[in-house]
Amino acid sequence: MKLKTLFSDNRGATAIEYGLIVALIALAMIGALRMLGGGTGGMWTIISDKFTEAVDSQP
């Protein structure tokens, strides 16, 4: 009797599906952040250089 209820329980399958969805979302986020990371790194370098120039030019 317990074996029959064990096989008819779908809660484990639902949890696995949610886990796979979360994993796919995480992979998509990591990929997007890696693509954006290179572009923003150069931007921060330019901002830092401009700030340093502005501070150095002050009397």
Protein backbone atom coordinates (compact mmCIF):
# COMPACT_ATOMS: atom_id res chain seq x y z
CA MET A 1 0.00 0.00 0.00
CA LYS A 2 2.80 2.46 0.82
CA LEU A 3 4.58 1.66 -2.42
CA LYS A 4 1.49 2.62 -4.41
CA THR A 5 1.23 6.00 -2.65
CA LEU A 6 4.96 6.57 -3.15
CA PHE A 7 4.68 6.17 -6.93
CA SER A 8 1.57 8.35 -7.18
CA ASP A 9 3.16 11.28 -5.31
CA ASN A 10 4.14 14.07 -7.74
CA ARG A 11 5.71 16.52 -5.29
CA GLY A 12 9.25 15.35 -6.01
CA ALA A 13 8.82 15.79 -9.76
CA THR A 14 7.50 19.34 -9.24
CA ALA A 15 10.47 20.22 -7.04
CA ILE A 16 12.88 18.91 -9.69
CA GLU A 17 11.14 20.95 -12.39
CA TYR A 18 11.40 24.11 -10.29
CA GLY A 19 15.06 23.34 -9.63
CA LEU A 20 15.75 23.00 -13.36
CA ILE A 21 13.97 26.29 -14.08
CA VAL A 22 16.05 28.07 -11.42
CA ALA A 23 19.24 26.54 -12.81
CA LEU A 24 18.41 27.71 -16.35
CA ILE A 25 17.63 31.23 -15.13
CA ALA A 26 20.91 31.31 -13.21
CA LEU A 27 22.86 30.20 -16.29
CA ALA A 28 21.19 32.87 -18.41
CA MET A 29 22.01 35.53 -15.79
CA ILE A 30 25.64 34.43 -15.57
CA GLY A 31 25.98 34.53 -19.35
CA ALA A 32 24.42 37.99 -19.58
CA LEU A 33 26.60 39.36 -16.79
CA ARG A 34 29.74 38.00 -18.41
CA MET A 35 28.85 39.68 -21.69
CA LEU A 36 28.11 43.00 -19.98
CA GLY A 37 31.09 42.79 -17.63
CA GLY A 38 33.71 43.45 -20.28
CA GLY A 39 31.96 46.52 -21.62
CA THR A 40 31.41 48.15 -18.26
CA GLY A 41 35.00 47.51 -17.14
CA GLY A 42 36.29 49.92 -19.78
CA MET A 43 33.67 52.49 -18.79
CA TRP A 44 34.81 52.47 -15.15
CA THR A 45 38.43 52.89 -16.24
CA ILE A 46 37.51 55.97 -18.30
CA ILE A 47 35.53 57.45 -15.40
CA SER A 48 38.41 56.81 -13.00
CA ASP A 49 40.91 58.44 -15.36
CA LYS A 50 38.70 61.51 -15.83
CA PHE A 51 38.21 61.82 -12.07
CA THR A 52 41.96 61.55 -11.44
CA GLU A 53 42.63 64.23 -14.07
CA ALA A 54 40.04 66.53 -12.50
CA VAL A 55 41.46 66.07 -8.99
CA ASP A 56 45.06 66.56 -10.17
CA SER A 57 44.18 69.79 -12.00
CA GLN A 58 42.81 71.40 -8.83
CA PRO A 59 45.17 74.02 -7.27
